[in-house]
Amino acid sequence: MSLLIAVFSPSSLIAMVCLAALAWNEHRGRRQLQQFDEQGPRTLGYNQLAFCGLIAAYCIYQLCNAIFGPDPYAEQIARTPELAEMLDPMRELITMATVAAYGAVLVLGVGMQGLMAWYYFSRGGVLREYLRETPEWIVELDRAVA
């Protein structure tokens, strides 16, 4: 679906490529964790921070586009000036709804991804403690099972 939308929107194409890279890195971090690699939590934590940055950049871009971007009704109003009075409230409503939606995604998305990054970074110490306190043969068995 993202590819279909990206054909018509360069910003969506950029977002799709970034999301694909983040998904690949997330799977890499998962494999590292399955093998009890101490880099796993760090990989996943930085991946969440990158995702947080992508969400923030996309939302800010959309907010700026909604507030400062071109008027979606300019062409219709130019052809039929009588429509201006009727479309003005609609334009304000759409701008307000867009700002509210992307503002909420910005706050919630950045907050949630920030918490996920904190969680993954905090798991590094837990993993190191597990590796230090667990007999090597059990760790090897866990790696083989994973």
C-alpha atoms as a PDB file:
ATOM      1  CA  MET A   1       0.000   0.000   0.000  1.00  0.00           C
ATOM      2  CA  SER A   2       2.835   2.398   0.867  1.00  0.00           C
ATOM      3  CA  LEU A   3       4.390   1.837  -2.547  1.00  0.00           C
ATOM      4  CA  LEU A   4       1.113   2.711  -4.259  1.00  0.00           C
ATOM      5  CA  ILE A   5       0.847   5.959  -2.286  1.00  0.00           C
ATOM      6  CA  ALA A   6       4.547   6.728  -2.802  1.00  0.00           C
ATOM      7  CA  VAL A   7       4.071   6.789  -6.581  1.00  0.00           C
ATOM      8  CA  PHE A   8       2.057   9.989  -6.162  1.00  0.00           C
ATOM      9  CA  SER A   9       3.972  11.612  -3.300  1.00  0.00           C
ATOM     10  CA  PRO A  10       7.756  12.072  -3.105  1.00  0.00           C
ATOM     11  CA  SER A  11       7.592  12.692   0.664  1.00  0.00           C
ATOM     12  CA  SER A  12       5.767   9.375   1.096  1.00  0.00           C
ATOM     13  CA  LEU A  13       8.431   7.634  -0.997  1.00  0.00           C
ATOM     14  CA  ILE A  14      11.154   8.999   1.280  1.00  0.00           C
ATOM     15  CA  ALA A  15       9.185   7.930   4.366  1.00  0.00           C
ATOM     16  CA  MET A  16       8.636   4.450   2.884  1.00  0.00           C
ATOM     17  CA  VAL A  17      12.358   3.966   2.209  1.00  0.00           C
ATOM     18  CA  CYS A  18      13.210   5.131   5.744  1.00  0.00           C
ATOM     19  CA  LEU A  19      10.596   2.804   7.257  1.00  0.00           C
ATOM     20  CA  ALA A  20      11.975  -0.110   5.261  1.00  0.00           C
ATOM     21  CA  ALA A  21      15.490   0.617   6.557  1.00  0.00           C
ATOM     22  CA  LEU A  22      14.194   0.872  10.124  1.00  0.00           C
ATOM     23  CA  ALA A  23      12.293  -2.424   9.766  1.00  0.00           C
ATOM     24  CA  TRP A  24      15.436  -4.154   8.480  1.00  0.00           C
ATOM     25  CA  ASN A  25      17.432  -2.781  11.416  1.00  0.00           C
ATOM     26  CA  GLU A  26      14.710  -3.855  13.866  1.00  0.00           C
ATOM     27  CA  HIS A  27      14.971  -7.432  12.594  1.00  0.00           C
ATOM     28  CA  ARG A  28      18.757  -7.241  12.878  1.00  0.00           C
ATOM     29  CA  GLY A  29      18.432  -6.117  16.513  1.00  0.00           C
ATOM     30  CA  ARG A  30      15.937  -8.921  17.193  1.00  0.00           C
ATOM     31  CA  ARG A  31      18.405 -11.499  15.828  1.00  0.00           C
ATOM     32  CA  GLN A  32      21.131 -10.007  18.013  1.00  0.00           C
ATOM     33  CA  LEU A  33      18.918 -10.344  21.078  1.00  0.00           C
ATOM     34  CA  GLN A  34      18.013 -13.923  20.190  1.00  0.00           C
ATOM     35  CA  GLN A  35      21.727 -14.716  20.154  1.00  0.00           C
ATOM     36  CA  PHE A  36      22.254 -12.828  23.439  1.00  0.00           C
ATOM     37  CA  ASP A  37      24.531 -10.331  21.701  1.00  0.00           C
ATOM     38  CA  GLU A  38      25.153  -7.345  23.969  1.00  0.00           C
ATOM     39  CA  GLN A  39      24.764  -5.028  20.963  1.00  0.00           C
ATOM     40  CA  GLY A  40      21.117  -6.065  20.525  1.00  0.00           C
ATOM     41  CA  PRO A  41      19.507  -3.693  23.045  1.00  0.00           C
ATOM     42  CA  ARG A  42      21.668  -0.807  21.814  1.00  0.00           C
ATOM     43  CA  THR A  43      20.758  -1.515  18.173  1.00  0.00           C
ATOM     44  CA  LEU A  44      17.064  -1.597  19.048  1.00  0.00           C
ATOM     45  CA  GLY A  45      17.319   1.528  21.212  1.00  0.00           C
ATOM     46  CA  TYR A  46      18.990   3.590  18.494  1.00  0.00           C
ATOM     47  CA  ASN A  47      16.501   2.210  15.982  1.00  0.00           C
ATOM     48  CA  GLN A  48      13.651   3.527  18.142  1.00  0.00           C
ATOM     49  CA  LEU A  49      15.351   6.932  18.355  1.00  0.00           C
ATOM     50  CA  ALA A  50      15.673   6.996  14.567  1.00  0.00           C
ATOM     51  CA  PHE A  51      11.994   6.060  14.244  1.00  0.00           C
ATOM     52  CA  CYS A  52      11.182   8.837  16.710  1.00  0.00           C
ATOM     53  CA  GLY A  53      13.102  11.289  14.524  1.00  0.00           C
ATOM     54  CA  LEU A  54      11.312  10.071  11.391  1.00  0.00           C
ATOM     55  CA  ILE A  55       7.910  10.516  13.048  1.00  0.00           C
ATOM     56  CA  ALA A  56       8.852  13.996  14.242  1.00  0.00           C
ATOM     57  CA  ALA A  57      10.209  15.064  10.841  1.00  0.00           C
ATOM     58  CA  TYR A  58       7.170  13.747   8.961  1.00  0.00           C
ATOM     59  CA  CYS A  59       4.693  15.351  11.356  1.00  0.00           C
ATOM     60  CA  ILE A  60       6.503  18.695  11.307  1.00  0.00           C
ATOM     61  CA  TYR A  61       6.593  18.586   7.503  1.00  0.00           C
ATOM     62  CA  GLN A  62       2.849  17.880   7.360  1.00  0.00           C
ATOM     63  CA  LEU A  63       2.092  20.582   9.941  1.00  0.00           C
ATOM     64  CA  CYS A  64       4.094  23.167   7.993  1.00  0.00           C
ATOM     65  CA  ASN A  65       2.410  22.085   4.783  1.00  0.00           C
ATOM     66  CA  ALA A  66      -1.046  22.432   6.373  1.00  0.00           C
ATOM     67  CA  ILE A  67      -0.330  25.843   7.890  1.00  0.00           C
ATOM     68  CA  PHE A  68       1.920  27.456   5.281  1.00  0.00           C
ATOM     69  CA  GLY A  69       1.291  25.287   2.214  1.00  0.00           C
ATOM     70  CA  PRO A  70      -0.782  26.064  -0.855  1.00  0.00           C
ATOM     71  CA  ASP A  71      -4.516  26.621  -0.531  1.00  0.00           C
ATOM     72  CA  PRO A  72      -6.305  23.450  -1.678  1.00  0.00           C
ATOM     73  CA  TYR A  73      -9.299  25.482  -2.849  1.00  0.00           C
ATOM     74  CA  ALA A  74      -7.448  28.280  -4.687  1.00  0.00           C
ATOM     75  CA  GLU A  75      -8.159  26.846  -8.135  1.00  0.00           C
ATOM     76  CA  GLN A  76     -11.896  26.468  -7.505  1.00  0.00           C
ATOM     77  CA  ILE A  77     -12.161  29.951  -5.978  1.00  0.00           C
ATOM     78  CA  ALA A  78     -10.258  31.461  -8.933  1.00  0.00           C
ATOM     79  CA  ARG A  79     -12.777  29.899 -11.349  1.00  0.00           C
ATOM     80  CA  THR A  80     -15.845  30.684  -9.235  1.00  0.00           C
ATOM     81  CA  PRO A  81     -15.256  33.569  -6.789  1.00  0.00           C
ATOM     82  CA  GLU A  82     -18.677  33.045  -5.169  1.00  0.00           C
ATOM     83  CA  LEU A  83     -17.326  29.836  -3.627  1.00  0.00           C
ATOM     84  CA  ALA A  84     -14.858  31.774  -1.440  1.00  0.00           C
ATOM     85  CA  GLU A  85     -17.447  32.542   1.223  1.00  0.00           C
ATOM     86  CA  MET A  86     -18.601  28.932   1.343  1.00  0.00           C
ATOM     87  CA  LEU A  87     -15.113  27.338   1.255  1.00  0.00           C
ATOM     88  CA  ASP A  88     -13.409  29.585   3.832  1.00  0.00           C
ATOM     89  CA  PRO A  89     -14.899  27.763   6.858  1.00  0.00           C
ATOM     90  CA  MET A  90     -14.089  24.429   5.203  1.00  0.00           C
ATOM     91  CA  ARG A  91     -10.475  25.485   4.666  1.00  0.00           C
ATOM     92  CA  GLU A  92     -10.167  26.516   8.326  1.00  0.00           C
ATOM     93  CA  LEU A  93     -11.763  23.266   9.502  1.00  0.00           C
ATOM     94  CA  ILE A  94      -9.414  21.143   7.387  1.00  0.00           C
ATOM     95  CA  THR A  95      -6.377  23.077   8.599  1.00  0.00           C
ATOM     96  CA  MET A  96      -7.483  22.758  12.223  1.00  0.00           C
ATOM     97  CA  ALA A  97      -8.171  19.014  11.875  1.00  0.00           C
ATOM     98  CA  THR A  98      -4.811  18.444  10.166  1.00  0.00           C
ATOM     99  CA  VAL A  99      -2.941  20.376  12.860  1.00  0.00           C
ATOM    100  CA  ALA A 100      -4.779  18.478  15.612  1.00  0.00           C
ATOM    101  CA  ALA A 101      -4.160  15.069  14.006  1.00  0.00           C
ATOM    102  CA  TYR A 102      -0.470  15.555  13.207  1.00  0.00           C
ATOM    103  CA  GLY A 103       0.093  17.373  16.502  1.00  0.00           C
ATOM    104  CA  ALA A 104      -1.338  14.387  18.385  1.00  0.00           C
ATOM    105  CA  VAL A 105       0.742  11.933  16.343  1.00  0.00           C
ATOM    106  CA  LEU A 106       3.830  14.070  16.984  1.00  0.00           C
ATOM    107  CA  VAL A 107       3.328  14.151  20.752  1.00  0.00           C
ATOM    108  CA  LEU A 108       2.168  10.551  21.179  1.00  0.00           C
ATOM    109  CA  GLY A 109       4.500   9.030  18.584  1.00  0.00           C
ATOM    110  CA  VAL A 110       7.613  10.761  19.862  1.00  0.00           C
ATOM    111  CA  GLY A 111       6.635   9.983  23.450  1.00  0.00           C
ATOM    112  CA  MET A 112       5.984   6.292  22.799  1.00  0.00           C
ATOM    113  CA  GLN A 113       9.102   5.770  20.700  1.00  0.00           C
ATOM    114  CA  GLY A 114      11.163   7.623  23.314  1.00  0.00           C
ATOM    115  CA  LEU A 115       9.851   5.266  25.987  1.00  0.00           C
ATOM    116  CA  MET A 116      10.600   2.255  23.791  1.00  0.00           C
ATOM    117  CA  ALA A 117      14.153   3.505  23.243  1.00  0.00           C
ATOM    118  CA  TRP A 118      14.591   3.931  27.006  1.00  0.00           C
ATOM    119  CA  TYR A 119      13.263   0.400  27.546  1.00  0.00           C
ATOM    120  CA  TYR A 120      15.676  -1.151  25.037  1.00  0.00           C
ATOM    121  CA  PHE A 121      18.659   0.778  26.408  1.00  0.00           C
ATOM    122  CA  SER A 122      17.740  -0.338  29.942  1.00  0.00           C
ATOM    123  CA  ARG A 123      17.735  -4.000  28.831  1.00  0.00           C
ATOM    124  CA  GLY A 124      21.448  -3.853  28.060  1.00  0.00           C
ATOM    125  CA  GLY A 125      22.326  -4.042  31.757  1.00  0.00           C
ATOM    126  CA  VAL A 126      19.887  -6.891  32.305  1.00  0.00           C
ATOM    127  CA  LEU A 127      21.422  -8.847  29.423  1.00  0.00           C
ATOM    128  CA  ARG A 128      24.973  -8.234  30.657  1.00  0.00           C
ATOM    129  CA  GLU A 129      23.971  -9.392  34.142  1.00  0.00           C
ATOM    130  CA  TYR A 130      22.349 -12.538  32.691  1.00  0.00           C
ATOM    131  CA  LEU A 131      25.472 -13.343  30.670  1.00  0.00           C
ATOM    132  CA  ARG A 132      27.724 -12.739  33.680  1.00  0.00           C
ATOM    133  CA  GLU A 133      25.696 -14.844  36.152  1.00  0.00           C
ATOM    134  CA  THR A 134      24.545 -17.699  33.913  1.00  0.00           C
ATOM    135  CA  PRO A 135      26.776 -20.696  33.198  1.00  0.00           C
ATOM    136  CA  GLU A 136      28.147 -20.635  29.651  1.00  0.00           C
ATOM    137  CA  TRP A 137      26.584 -23.960  28.705  1.00  0.00           C
ATOM    138  CA  ILE A 138      23.094 -22.606  29.500  1.00  0.00           C
ATOM    139  CA  VAL A 139      23.738 -19.488  27.428  1.00  0.00           C
ATOM    140  CA  GLU A 140      24.905 -21.678  24.525  1.00  0.00           C
ATOM    141  CA  LEU A 141      21.799 -23.839  24.904  1.00  0.00           C
ATOM    142  CA  ASP A 142      19.600 -20.727  24.848  1.00  0.00           C
ATOM    143  CA  ARG A 143      21.379 -19.500  21.721  1.00  0.00           C
ATOM    144  CA  ALA A 144      20.881 -22.853  20.013  1.00  0.00           C
ATOM    145  CA  VAL A 145      17.178 -22.918  20.876  1.00  0.00           C
ATOM    146  CA  ALA A 146      16.639 -19.352  19.674  1.00  0.00           C
END
